[in-house]
Amino acid sequence: MSVADLLAYQKAYEFLVWQKTVVMRLAKVHKYSLGIKIENETLALLASIVRANMAPKVDKARAIAECVVSVEILSVLFRFGHDLRESGGISTRHYAAASDRLTTLGNLCGAWLKKFKI
């Protein structure tokens, strides 16, 4: 199956594009620390999905588990950014949207992991 056909990949790519608008709105003090971490972790999630799709069956569960970890890290980063909202962090509206998107991604990756877990 092509990676572009995977729903997890499609949602992660949409999240990558969307999070850029959130990071651009961060105050300068957060943009070059928190913002870069969010962007890098989102790219890592996308790369993990590609690796998991290409992995042989014996390694697939471990590769998919990396995707789940990236989603959790992103959840923590967005929560931290929301806690910094008073000083130019992530707004409540963006935090709610990120939470919804990350929950969807987590559910997709979790179901994918369940399929290949031994």
PDB file of N, CA and C in Angstrom:
ATOM      1  N   MET A   1       0.844  -1.182   0.000  1.00  0.00           N
ATOM      2  CA  MET A   1       0.000   0.000   0.000  1.00  0.00           C
ATOM      3  C   MET A   1       0.888   1.244   0.000  1.00  0.00           C
ATOM      4  N   SER A   2       0.541   2.174  -0.825  1.00  0.00           N
ATOM      5  CA  SER A   2       1.269   3.443  -0.889  1.00  0.00           C
ATOM      6  C   SER A   2       1.028   4.225   0.402  1.00  0.00           C
ATOM      7  N   VAL A   3       2.069   4.895   0.858  1.00  0.00           N
ATOM      8  CA  VAL A   3       1.945   5.659   2.099  1.00  0.00           C
ATOM      9  C   VAL A   3       0.909   6.775   1.957  1.00  0.00           C
ATOM     10  N   ALA A   4       0.761   7.326   0.774  1.00  0.00           N
ATOM     11  CA  ALA A   4      -0.214   8.400   0.550  1.00  0.00           C
ATOM     12  C   ALA A   4      -1.648   7.906   0.716  1.00  0.00           C
ATOM     13  N   ASP A   5      -1.857   6.584   0.616  1.00  0.00           N
ATOM     14  CA  ASP A   5      -3.193   6.018   0.784  1.00  0.00           C
ATOM     15  C   ASP A   5      -3.559   5.795   2.246  1.00  0.00           C
ATOM     16  N   LEU A   6      -2.565   5.841   3.131  1.00  0.00           N
ATOM     17  CA  LEU A   6      -2.829   5.622   4.555  1.00  0.00           C
ATOM     18  C   LEU A   6      -3.538   6.826   5.163  1.00  0.00           C
ATOM     19  N   LEU A   7      -4.616   6.580   5.863  1.00  0.00           N
ATOM     20  CA  LEU A   7      -5.366   7.655   6.506  1.00  0.00           C
ATOM     21  C   LEU A   7      -4.508   8.344   7.575  1.00  0.00           C
ATOM     22  N   ALA A   8      -3.696   7.569   8.288  1.00  0.00           N
ATOM     23  CA  ALA A   8      -2.814   8.160   9.310  1.00  0.00           C
ATOM     24  C   ALA A   8      -1.838   9.141   8.662  1.00  0.00           C
ATOM     25  N   TYR A   9      -1.300   8.789   7.507  1.00  0.00           N
ATOM     26  CA  TYR A   9      -0.380   9.681   6.791  1.00  0.00           C
ATOM     27  C   TYR A   9      -1.106  10.948   6.347  1.00  0.00           C
ATOM     28  N   GLN A  10      -2.286  10.788   5.801  1.00  0.00           N
ATOM     29  CA  GLN A  10      -3.055  11.943   5.330  1.00  0.00           C
ATOM     30  C   GLN A  10      -3.365  12.902   6.468  1.00  0.00           C
ATOM     31  N   LYS A  11      -3.797  12.355   7.618  1.00  0.00           N
ATOM     32  CA  LYS A  11      -4.116  13.197   8.776  1.00  0.00           C
ATOM     33  C   LYS A  11      -2.863  13.852   9.341  1.00  0.00           C
ATOM     34  N   ALA A  12      -1.753  13.125   9.361  1.00  0.00           N
ATOM     35  CA  ALA A  12      -0.493  13.687   9.863  1.00  0.00           C
ATOM     36  C   ALA A  12       0.000  14.806   8.942  1.00  0.00           C
ATOM     37  N   TYR A  13      -0.156  14.624   7.636  1.00  0.00           N
ATOM     38  CA  TYR A  13       0.252  15.666   6.690  1.00  0.00           C
ATOM     39  C   TYR A  13      -0.618  16.912   6.860  1.00  0.00           C
ATOM     40  N   GLU A  14      -1.924  16.710   7.009  1.00  0.00           N
ATOM     41  CA  GLU A  14      -2.823  17.844   7.253  1.00  0.00           C
ATOM     42  C   GLU A  14      -2.447  18.561   8.548  1.00  0.00           C
ATOM     43  N   PHE A  15      -2.067  17.786   9.567  1.00  0.00           N
ATOM     44  CA  PHE A  15      -1.645  18.372  10.841  1.00  0.00           C
ATOM     45  C   PHE A  15      -0.357  19.176  10.651  1.00  0.00           C
ATOM     46  N   LEU A  16       0.565  18.673   9.843  1.00  0.00           N
ATOM     47  CA  LEU A  16       1.816  19.379   9.569  1.00  0.00           C
ATOM     48  C   LEU A  16       1.527  20.749   8.957  1.00  0.00           C
ATOM     49  N   VAL A  17       0.655  20.793   7.989  1.00  0.00           N
ATOM     50  CA  VAL A  17       0.301  22.057   7.336  1.00  0.00           C
ATOM     51  C   VAL A  17      -0.408  22.979   8.329  1.00  0.00           C
ATOM     52  N   TRP A  18      -1.344  22.427   9.091  1.00  0.00           N
ATOM     53  CA  TRP A  18      -2.117  23.230  10.030  1.00  0.00           C
ATOM     54  C   TRP A  18      -1.263  23.793  11.162  1.00  0.00           C
ATOM     55  N   GLN A  19      -0.381  22.976  11.724  1.00  0.00           N
ATOM     56  CA  GLN A  19       0.403  23.433  12.871  1.00  0.00           C
ATOM     57  C   GLN A  19       1.312  24.603  12.501  1.00  0.00           C
ATOM     58  N   LYS A  20       1.643  24.725  11.241  1.00  0.00           N
ATOM     59  CA  LYS A  20       2.476  25.849  10.794  1.00  0.00           C
ATOM     60  C   LYS A  20       1.782  27.177  11.072  1.00  0.00           C
ATOM     61  N   THR A  21       0.472  27.231  10.869  1.00  0.00           N
ATOM     62  CA  THR A  21      -0.260  28.469  11.148  1.00  0.00           C
ATOM     63  C   THR A  21      -0.276  28.767  12.645  1.00  0.00           C
ATOM     64  N   VAL A  22      -0.319  27.730  13.465  1.00  0.00           N
ATOM     65  CA  VAL A  22      -0.301  27.925  14.915  1.00  0.00           C
ATOM     66  C   VAL A  22       1.066  28.438  15.348  1.00  0.00           C
ATOM     67  N   VAL A  23       2.115  27.821  14.842  1.00  0.00           N
ATOM     68  CA  VAL A  23       3.481  28.209  15.219  1.00  0.00           C
ATOM     69  C   VAL A  23       3.777  29.640  14.771  1.00  0.00           C
ATOM     70  N   MET A  24       3.279  30.026  13.613  1.00  0.00           N
ATOM     71  CA  MET A  24       3.528  31.392  13.126  1.00  0.00           C
ATOM     72  C   MET A  24       2.903  32.439  14.040  1.00  0.00           C
ATOM     73  N   ARG A  25       1.865  32.078  14.783  1.00  0.00           N
ATOM     74  CA  ARG A  25       1.189  33.029  15.672  1.00  0.00           C
ATOM     75  C   ARG A  25       1.778  33.073  17.072  1.00  0.00           C
ATOM     76  N   LEU A  26       2.735  32.219  17.352  1.00  0.00           N
ATOM     77  CA  LEU A  26       3.373  32.243  18.669  1.00  0.00           C
ATOM     78  C   LEU A  26       4.201  33.511  18.827  1.00  0.00           C
ATOM     79  N   ALA A  27       4.296  33.976  20.061  1.00  0.00           N
ATOM     80  CA  ALA A  27       5.182  35.110  20.351  1.00  0.00           C
ATOM     81  C   ALA A  27       6.616  34.680  20.043  1.00  0.00           C
ATOM     82  N   LYS A  28       7.432  35.641  19.681  1.00  0.00           N
ATOM     83  CA  LYS A  28       8.807  35.355  19.289  1.00  0.00           C
ATOM     84  C   LYS A  28       9.551  34.528  20.352  1.00  0.00           C
ATOM     85  N   VAL A  29       9.289  34.808  21.612  1.00  0.00           N
ATOM     86  CA  VAL A  29       9.966  34.105  22.697  1.00  0.00           C
ATOM     87  C   VAL A  29       9.658  32.599  22.678  1.00  0.00           C
ATOM     88  N   HIS A  30       8.505  32.207  22.144  1.00  0.00           N
ATOM     89  CA  HIS A  30       8.120  30.793  22.086  1.00  0.00           C
ATOM     90  C   HIS A  30       8.312  30.184  20.696  1.00  0.00           C
ATOM     91  N   LYS A  31       8.311  31.030  19.694  1.00  0.00           N
ATOM     92  CA  LYS A  31       8.366  30.547  18.310  1.00  0.00           C
ATOM     93  C   LYS A  31       9.648  29.772  18.025  1.00  0.00           C
ATOM     94  N   TYR A  32      10.755  30.233  18.568  1.00  0.00           N
ATOM     95  CA  TYR A  32      12.040  29.623  18.236  1.00  0.00           C
ATOM     96  C   TYR A  32      12.471  28.561  19.235  1.00  0.00           C
ATOM     97  N   SER A  33      11.623  28.232  20.177  1.00  0.00           N
ATOM     98  CA  SER A  33      11.905  27.123  21.080  1.00  0.00           C
ATOM     99  C   SER A  33      10.772  26.103  20.948  1.00  0.00           C
ATOM    100  N   LEU A  34       9.622  26.439  21.466  1.00  0.00           N
ATOM    101  CA  LEU A  34       8.474  25.544  21.412  1.00  0.00           C
ATOM    102  C   LEU A  34       8.033  25.299  19.966  1.00  0.00           C
ATOM    103  N   GLY A  35       7.971  26.356  19.179  1.00  0.00           N
ATOM    104  CA  GLY A  35       7.513  26.228  17.794  1.00  0.00           C
ATOM    105  C   GLY A  35       8.368  25.277  16.980  1.00  0.00           C
ATOM    106  N   ILE A  36       9.679  25.382  17.144  1.00  0.00           N
ATOM    107  CA  ILE A  36      10.578  24.491  16.400  1.00  0.00           C
ATOM    108  C   ILE A  36      10.419  23.051  16.871  1.00  0.00           C
ATOM    109  N   LYS A  37      10.226  22.855  18.166  1.00  0.00           N
ATOM    110  CA  LYS A  37      10.020  21.495  18.685  1.00  0.00           C
ATOM    111  C   LYS A  37       8.729  20.889  18.119  1.00  0.00           C
ATOM    112  N   ILE A  38       7.678  21.684  18.049  1.00  0.00           N
ATOM    113  CA  ILE A  38       6.411  21.198  17.482  1.00  0.00           C
ATOM    114  C   ILE A  38       6.606  20.816  16.019  1.00  0.00           C
ATOM    115  N   GLU A  39       7.253  21.676  15.257  1.00  0.00           N
ATOM    116  CA  GLU A  39       7.474  21.377  13.842  1.00  0.00           C
ATOM    117  C   GLU A  39       8.332  20.137  13.657  1.00  0.00           C
ATOM    118  N   ASN A  40       9.416  20.028  14.432  1.00  0.00           N
ATOM    119  CA  ASN A  40      10.299  18.871  14.307  1.00  0.00           C
ATOM    120  C   ASN A  40       9.598  17.574  14.695  1.00  0.00           C
ATOM    121  N   GLU A  41       8.798  17.614  15.752  1.00  0.00           N
ATOM    122  CA  GLU A  41       8.096  16.399  16.182  1.00  0.00           C
ATOM    123  C   GLU A  41       7.020  16.012  15.180  1.00  0.00           C
ATOM    124  N   THR A  42       6.377  16.987  14.562  1.00  0.00           N
ATOM    125  CA  THR A  42       5.376  16.682  13.534  1.00  0.00           C
ATOM    126  C   THR A  42       6.044  16.040  12.325  1.00  0.00           C
ATOM    127  N   LEU A  43       7.203  16.554  11.938  1.00  0.00           N
ATOM    128  CA  LEU A  43       7.954  15.938  10.838  1.00  0.00           C
ATOM    129  C   LEU A  43       8.416  14.537  11.216  1.00  0.00           C
ATOM    130  N   ALA A  44       8.811  14.348  12.479  1.00  0.00           N
ATOM    131  CA  ALA A  44       9.217  13.020  12.947  1.00  0.00           C
ATOM    132  C   ALA A  44       8.043  12.046  12.894  1.00  0.00           C
ATOM    133  N   LEU A  45       6.854  12.532  13.243  1.00  0.00           N
ATOM    134  CA  LEU A  45       5.657  11.692  13.163  1.00  0.00           C
ATOM    135  C   LEU A  45       5.407  11.254  11.724  1.00  0.00           C
ATOM    136  N   LEU A  46       5.492  12.188  10.812  1.00  0.00           N
ATOM    137  CA  LEU A  46       5.290  11.869   9.395  1.00  0.00           C
ATOM    138  C   LEU A  46       6.331  10.860   8.914  1.00  0.00           C
ATOM    139  N   ALA A  47       7.581  11.068   9.295  1.00  0.00           N
ATOM    140  CA  ALA A  47       8.655  10.139   8.914  1.00  0.00           C
ATOM    141  C   ALA A  47       8.428   8.761   9.540  1.00  0.00           C
ATOM    142  N   SER A  48       7.945   8.721  10.776  1.00  0.00           N
ATOM    143  CA  SER A  48       7.684   7.441  11.442  1.00  0.00           C
ATOM    144  C   SER A  48       6.576   6.674  10.730  1.00  0.00           C
ATOM    145  N   ILE A  49       5.571   7.385  10.267  1.00  0.00           N
ATOM    146  CA  ILE A  49       4.483   6.730   9.538  1.00  0.00           C
ATOM    147  C   ILE A  49       5.009   6.124   8.237  1.00  0.00           C
ATOM    148  N   VAL A  50       5.864   6.860   7.542  1.00  0.00           N
ATOM    149  CA  VAL A  50       6.450   6.341   6.301  1.00  0.00           C
ATOM    150  C   VAL A  50       7.307   5.111   6.606  1.00  0.00           C
ATOM    151  N   ARG A  51       8.151   5.194   7.635  1.00  0.00           N
ATOM    152  CA  ARG A  51       8.998   4.060   8.015  1.00  0.00           C
ATOM    153  C   ARG A  51       8.155   2.847   8.409  1.00  0.00           C
ATOM    154  N   ALA A  52       7.111   3.080   9.179  1.00  0.00           N
ATOM    155  CA  ALA A  52       6.250   1.981   9.618  1.00  0.00           C
ATOM    156  C   ALA A  52       5.570   1.313   8.431  1.00  0.00           C
ATOM    157  N   ASN A  53       5.154   2.099   7.471  1.00  0.00           N
ATOM    158  CA  ASN A  53       4.502   1.546   6.286  1.00  0.00           C
ATOM    159  C   ASN A  53       5.467   0.686   5.479  1.00  0.00           C
ATOM    160  N   MET A  54       6.733   1.097   5.462  1.00  0.00           N
ATOM    161  CA  MET A  54       7.734   0.388   4.665  1.00  0.00           C
ATOM    162  C   MET A  54       8.409  -0.762   5.424  1.00  0.00           C
ATOM    163  N   ALA A  55       8.211  -0.826   6.730  1.00  0.00           N
ATOM    164  CA  ALA A  55       8.888  -1.830   7.557  1.00  0.00           C
ATOM    165  C   ALA A  55       8.372  -3.235   7.254  1.00  0.00           C
ATOM    166  N   PRO A  56       9.274  -4.217   7.369  1.00  0.00           N
ATOM    167  CA  PRO A  56       8.802  -5.605   7.237  1.00  0.00           C
ATOM    168  C   PRO A  56       7.872  -5.956   8.400  1.00  0.00           C
ATOM    169  N   LYS A  57       7.042  -6.962   8.219  1.00  0.00           N
ATOM    170  CA  LYS A  57       6.030  -7.294   9.233  1.00  0.00           C
ATOM    171  C   LYS A  57       6.605  -7.497  10.622  1.00  0.00           C
ATOM    172  N   VAL A  58       7.792  -8.065  10.734  1.00  0.00           N
ATOM    173  CA  VAL A  58       8.362  -8.343  12.060  1.00  0.00           C
ATOM    174  C   VAL A  58       8.734  -7.066  12.800  1.00  0.00           C
ATOM    175  N   ASP A  59       9.034  -5.994  12.081  1.00  0.00           N
ATOM    176  CA  ASP A  59       9.435  -4.729  12.697  1.00  0.00           C
ATOM    177  C   ASP A  59       8.317  -3.686  12.723  1.00  0.00           C
ATOM    178  N   LYS A  60       7.194  -4.004  12.133  1.00  0.00           N
ATOM    179  CA  LYS A  60       6.117  -3.027  11.964  1.00  0.00           C
ATOM    180  C   LYS A  60       5.574  -2.507  13.297  1.00  0.00           C
ATOM    181  N   ALA A  61       5.370  -3.378  14.278  1.00  0.00           N
ATOM    182  CA  ALA A  61       4.805  -2.953  15.558  1.00  0.00           C
ATOM    183  C   ALA A  61       5.721  -1.942  16.244  1.00  0.00           C
ATOM    184  N   ARG A  62       7.018  -2.189  16.223  1.00  0.00           N
ATOM    185  CA  ARG A  62       7.968  -1.253  16.847  1.00  0.00           C
ATOM    186  C   ARG A  62       7.961   0.087  16.113  1.00  0.00           C
ATOM    187  N   ALA A  63       7.884   0.045  14.795  1.00  0.00           N
ATOM    188  CA  ALA A  63       7.870   1.275  14.004  1.00  0.00           C
ATOM    189  C   ALA A  63       6.581   2.070  14.242  1.00  0.00           C
ATOM    190  N   ILE A  64       5.469   1.379  14.347  1.00  0.00           N
ATOM    191  CA  ILE A  64       4.192   2.057  14.597  1.00  0.00           C
ATOM    192  C   ILE A  64       4.166   2.632  16.011  1.00  0.00           C
ATOM    193  N   ALA A  65       4.803   1.937  16.958  1.00  0.00           N
ATOM    194  CA  ALA A  65       4.868   2.436  18.337  1.00  0.00           C
ATOM    195  C   ALA A  65       5.569   3.795  18.384  1.00  0.00           C
ATOM    196  N   GLU A  66       6.531   4.013  17.508  1.00  0.00           N
ATOM    197  CA  GLU A  66       7.204   5.318  17.424  1.00  0.00           C
ATOM    198  C   GLU A  66       6.209   6.410  17.026  1.00  0.00           C
ATOM    199  N   CYS A  67       5.266   6.069  16.173  1.00  0.00           N
ATOM    200  CA  CYS A  67       4.225   7.024  15.767  1.00  0.00           C
ATOM    201  C   CYS A  67       3.375   7.418  16.968  1.00  0.00           C
ATOM    202  N   VAL A  68       3.006   6.432  17.769  1.00  0.00           N
ATOM    203  CA  VAL A  68       2.184   6.685  18.954  1.00  0.00           C
ATOM    204  C   VAL A  68       2.942   7.592  19.922  1.00  0.00           C
ATOM    205  N   VAL A  69       4.234   7.345  20.083  1.00  0.00           N
ATOM    206  CA  VAL A  69       5.051   8.179  20.972  1.00  0.00           C
ATOM    207  C   VAL A  69       5.102   9.617  20.458  1.00  0.00           C
ATOM    208  N   SER A  70       5.267   9.805  19.172  1.00  0.00           N
ATOM    209  CA  SER A  70       5.303  11.157  18.599  1.00  0.00           C
ATOM    210  C   SER A  70       3.989  11.898  18.835  1.00  0.00           C
ATOM    211  N   VAL A  71       2.877  11.203  18.716  1.00  0.00           N
ATOM    212  CA  VAL A  71       1.572  11.831  18.966  1.00  0.00           C
ATOM    213  C   VAL A  71       1.487  12.278  20.422  1.00  0.00           C
ATOM    214  N   GLU A  72       1.958  11.458  21.340  1.00  0.00           N
ATOM    215  CA  GLU A  72       1.931  11.816  22.765  1.00  0.00           C
ATOM    216  C   GLU A  72       2.833  13.007  23.061  1.00  0.00           C
ATOM    217  N   ILE A  73       4.002  13.032  22.455  1.00  0.00           N
ATOM    218  CA  ILE A  73       4.911  14.163  22.644  1.00  0.00           C
ATOM    219  C   ILE A  73       4.277  15.446  22.125  1.00  0.00           C
ATOM    220  N   LEU A  74       3.632  15.371  20.967  1.00  0.00           N
ATOM    221  CA  LEU A  74       2.947  16.537  20.417  1.00  0.00           C
ATOM    222  C   LEU A  74       1.831  17.012  21.342  1.00  0.00           C
ATOM    223  N   SER A  75       1.123  16.090  21.943  1.00  0.00           N
ATOM    224  CA  SER A  75       0.070  16.459  22.899  1.00  0.00           C
ATOM    225  C   SER A  75       0.654  17.239  24.073  1.00  0.00           C
ATOM    226  N   VAL A  76       1.785  16.783  24.578  1.00  0.00           N
ATOM    227  CA  VAL A  76       2.441  17.471  25.698  1.00  0.00           C
ATOM    228  C   VAL A  76       2.918  18.855  25.273  1.00  0.00           C
ATOM    229  N   LEU A  77       3.504  18.956  24.088  1.00  0.00           N
ATOM    230  CA  LEU A  77       3.999  20.249  23.607  1.00  0.00           C
ATOM    231  C   LEU A  77       2.862  21.254  23.428  1.00  0.00           C
ATOM    232  N   PHE A  78       1.745  20.799  22.893  1.00  0.00           N
ATOM    233  CA  PHE A  78       0.607  21.705  22.722  1.00  0.00           C
ATOM    234  C   PHE A  78       0.012  22.108  24.066  1.00  0.00           C
ATOM    235  N   ARG A  79      -0.023  21.178  25.006  1.00  0.00           N
ATOM    236  CA  ARG A  79      -0.537  21.533  26.332  1.00  0.00           C
ATOM    237  C   ARG A  79       0.370  22.568  26.985  1.00  0.00           C
ATOM    238  N   PHE A  80       1.674  22.359  26.874  1.00  0.00           N
ATOM    239  CA  PHE A  80       2.631  23.322  27.419  1.00  0.00           C
ATOM    240  C   PHE A  80       2.458  24.683  26.756  1.00  0.00           C
ATOM    241  N   GLY A  81       2.304  24.688  25.439  1.00  0.00           N
ATOM    242  CA  GLY A  81       2.081  25.938  24.721  1.00  0.00           C
ATOM    243  C   GLY A  81       0.807  26.634  25.172  1.00  0.00           C
ATOM    244  N   HIS A  82      -0.219  25.861  25.456  1.00  0.00           N
ATOM    245  CA  HIS A  82      -1.474  26.434  25.939  1.00  0.00           C
ATOM    246  C   HIS A  82      -1.292  27.026  27.333  1.00  0.00           C
ATOM    247  N   ASP A  83      -0.504  26.370  28.167  1.00  0.00           N
ATOM    248  CA  ASP A  83      -0.231  26.900  29.502  1.00  0.00           C
ATOM    249  C   ASP A  83       0.534  28.221  29.432  1.00  0.00           C
ATOM    250  N   LEU A  84       1.206  28.465  28.325  1.00  0.00           N
ATOM    251  CA  LEU A  84       1.952  29.719  28.126  1.00  0.00           C
ATOM    252  C   LEU A  84       1.128  30.777  27.388  1.00  0.00           C
ATOM    253  N   ARG A  85      -0.174  30.570  27.249  1.00  0.00           N
ATOM    254  CA  ARG A  85      -1.011  31.470  26.439  1.00  0.00           C
ATOM    255  C   ARG A  85      -0.979  32.915  26.925  1.00  0.00           C
ATOM    256  N   GLU A  86      -0.763  33.128  28.220  1.00  0.00           N
ATOM    257  CA  GLU A  86      -0.716  34.493  28.754  1.00  0.00           C
ATOM    258  C   GLU A  86       0.489  35.264  28.232  1.00  0.00           C
ATOM    259  N   SER A  87       1.524  34.543  27.851  1.00  0.00           N
ATOM    260  CA  SER A  87       2.730  35.214  27.350  1.00  0.00           C
ATOM    261  C   SER A  87       2.944  34.959  25.862  1.00  0.00           C
ATOM    262  N   GLY A  88       1.850  34.773  25.125  1.00  0.00           N
ATOM    263  CA  GLY A  88       1.955  34.609  23.670  1.00  0.00           C
ATOM    264  C   GLY A  88       2.045  33.170  23.221  1.00  0.00           C
ATOM    265  N   GLY A  89       1.553  32.242  24.052  1.00  0.00           N
ATOM    266  CA  GLY A  89       1.560  30.831  23.686  1.00  0.00           C
ATOM    267  C   GLY A  89       0.401  30.466  22.780  1.00  0.00           C
ATOM    268  N   ILE A  90      -0.056  29.248  22.894  1.00  0.00           N
ATOM    269  CA  ILE A  90      -1.110  28.723  22.030  1.00  0.00           C
ATOM    270  C   ILE A  90      -2.474  29.076  22.602  1.00  0.00           C
ATOM    271  N   SER A  91      -3.331  29.631  21.773  1.00  0.00           N
ATOM    272  CA  SER A  91      -4.678  30.030  22.206  1.00  0.00           C
ATOM    273  C   SER A  91      -5.519  28.803  22.551  1.00  0.00           C
ATOM    274  N   THR A  92      -6.572  29.044  23.298  1.00  0.00           N
ATOM    275  CA  THR A  92      -7.479  27.962  23.685  1.00  0.00           C
ATOM    276  C   THR A  92      -8.132  27.341  22.452  1.00  0.00           C
ATOM    277  N   ARG A  93      -8.475  28.167  21.488  1.00  0.00           N
ATOM    278  CA  ARG A  93      -9.098  27.671  20.246  1.00  0.00           C
ATOM    279  C   ARG A  93      -8.152  26.738  19.491  1.00  0.00           C
ATOM    280  N   HIS A  94      -6.886  27.138  19.361  1.00  0.00           N
ATOM    281  CA  HIS A  94      -5.914  26.302  18.668  1.00  0.00           C
ATOM    282  C   HIS A  94      -5.583  25.048  19.471  1.00  0.00           C
ATOM    283  N   TYR A  95      -5.544  25.186  20.784  1.00  0.00           N
ATOM    284  CA  TYR A  95      -5.274  24.021  21.626  1.00  0.00           C
ATOM    285  C   TYR A  95      -6.394  22.990  21.478  1.00  0.00           C
ATOM    286  N   ALA A  96      -7.644  23.437  21.466  1.00  0.00           N
ATOM    287  CA  ALA A  96      -8.779  22.519  21.306  1.00  0.00           C
ATOM    288  C   ALA A  96      -8.722  21.820  19.950  1.00  0.00           C
ATOM    289  N   ALA A  97      -8.396  22.580  18.911  1.00  0.00           N
ATOM    290  CA  ALA A  97      -8.292  21.985  17.571  1.00  0.00           C
ATOM    291  C   ALA A  97      -7.148  20.979  17.513  1.00  0.00           C
ATOM    292  N   ALA A  98      -6.013  21.325  18.128  1.00  0.00           N
ATOM    293  CA  ALA A  98      -4.869  20.411  18.147  1.00  0.00           C
ATOM    294  C   ALA A  98      -5.220  19.138  18.910  1.00  0.00           C
ATOM    295  N   SER A  99      -5.920  19.286  20.023  1.00  0.00           N
ATOM    296  CA  SER A  99      -6.316  18.117  20.816  1.00  0.00           C
ATOM    297  C   SER A  99      -7.200  17.178  20.007  1.00  0.00           C
ATOM    298  N   ASP A 100      -8.154  17.738  19.280  1.00  0.00           N
ATOM    299  CA  ASP A 100      -9.030  16.917  18.440  1.00  0.00           C
ATOM    300  C   ASP A 100      -8.232  16.187  17.358  1.00  0.00           C
ATOM    301  N   ARG A 101      -7.364  16.915  16.702  1.00  0.00           N
ATOM    302  CA  ARG A 101      -6.573  16.319  15.616  1.00  0.00           C
ATOM    303  C   ARG A 101      -5.620  15.249  16.145  1.00  0.00           C
ATOM    304  N   LEU A 102      -5.000  15.529  17.283  1.00  0.00           N
ATOM    305  CA  LEU A 102      -4.059  14.566  17.855  1.00  0.00           C
ATOM    306  C   LEU A 102      -4.780  13.335  18.404  1.00  0.00           C
ATOM    307  N   THR A 103      -5.985  13.511  18.909  1.00  0.00           N
ATOM    308  CA  THR A 103      -6.780  12.359  19.355  1.00  0.00           C
ATOM    309  C   THR A 103      -7.092  11.458  18.171  1.00  0.00           C
ATOM    310  N   THR A 104      -7.478  12.066  17.060  1.00  0.00           N
ATOM    311  CA  THR A 104      -7.750  11.290  15.849  1.00  0.00           C
ATOM    312  C   THR A 104      -6.504  10.542  15.393  1.00  0.00           C
ATOM    313  N   LEU A 105      -5.367  11.250  15.357  1.00  0.00           N
ATOM    314  CA  LEU A 105      -4.108  10.610  14.953  1.00  0.00           C
ATOM    315  C   LEU A 105      -3.722   9.490  15.920  1.00  0.00           C
ATOM    316  N   GLY A 106      -3.895   9.736  17.206  1.00  0.00           N
ATOM    317  CA  GLY A 106      -3.580   8.712  18.199  1.00  0.00           C
ATOM    318  C   GLY A 106      -4.452   7.477  18.038  1.00  0.00           C
ATOM    319  N   ASN A 107      -5.726   7.687  17.772  1.00  0.00           N
ATOM    320  CA  ASN A 107      -6.636   6.558  17.557  1.00  0.00           C
ATOM    321  C   ASN A 107      -6.261   5.770  16.307  1.00  0.00           C
ATOM    322  N   LEU A 108      -5.909   6.466  15.240  1.00  0.00           N
ATOM    323  CA  LEU A 108      -5.509   5.794  14.004  1.00  0.00           C
ATOM    324  C   LEU A 108      -4.230   4.983  14.208  1.00  0.00           C
ATOM    325  N   CYS A 109      -3.242   5.596  14.846  1.00  0.00           N
ATOM    326  CA  CYS A 109      -1.971   4.901  15.078  1.00  0.00           C
ATOM    327  C   CYS A 109      -2.154   3.756  16.071  1.00  0.00           C
ATOM    328  N   GLY A 110      -2.991   3.973  17.086  1.00  0.00           N
ATOM    329  CA  GLY A 110      -3.252   2.912  18.052  1.00  0.00           C
ATOM    330  C   GLY A 110      -3.938   1.708  17.427  1.00  0.00           C
ATOM    331  N   ALA A 111      -4.904   1.948  16.566  1.00  0.00           N
ATOM    332  CA  ALA A 111      -5.585   0.852  15.869  1.00  0.00           C
ATOM    333  C   ALA A 111      -4.623   0.135  14.933  1.00  0.00           C
ATOM    334  N   TRP A 112      -3.760   0.894  14.284  1.00  0.00           N
ATOM    335  CA  TRP A 112      -2.755   0.318  13.384  1.00  0.00           C
ATOM    336  C   TRP A 112      -1.795  -0.552  14.186  1.00  0.00           C
ATOM    337  N   LEU A 113      -1.386  -0.077  15.347  1.00  0.00           N
ATOM    338  CA  LEU A 113      -0.482  -0.826  16.215  1.00  0.00           C
ATOM    339  C   LEU A 113      -1.145  -2.119  16.694  1.00  0.00           C
ATOM    340  N   LYS A 114      -2.404  -2.042  17.062  1.00  0.00           N
ATOM    341  CA  LYS A 114      -3.144  -3.206  17.543  1.00  0.00           C
ATOM    342  C   LYS A 114      -3.181  -4.302  16.474  1.00  0.00           C
ATOM    343  N   LYS A 115      -3.261  -3.899  15.234  1.00  0.00           N
ATOM    344  CA  LYS A 115      -3.325  -4.837  14.125  1.00  0.00           C
ATOM    345  C   LYS A 115      -2.036  -5.669  13.994  1.00  0.00           C
ATOM    346  N   PHE A 116      -0.901  -5.063  14.329  1.00  0.00           N
ATOM    347  CA  PHE A 116       0.385  -5.735  14.124  1.00  0.00           C
ATOM    348  C   PHE A 116       1.062  -6.198  15.407  1.00  0.00           C
ATOM    349  N   LYS A 117       0.472  -5.895  16.540  1.00  0.00           N
ATOM    350  CA  LYS A 117       1.063  -6.298  17.819  1.00  0.00           C
ATOM    351  C   LYS A 117       0.905  -7.809  17.982  1.00  0.00           C
ATOM    352  N   ILE A 118       1.945  -8.410  18.465  1.00  0.00           N
ATOM    353  CA  ILE A 118       1.946  -9.874  18.621  1.00  0.00           C
ATOM    354  C   ILE A 118       1.459 -10.258  20.001  1.00  0.00           C
TER     355      ILE A 118
END
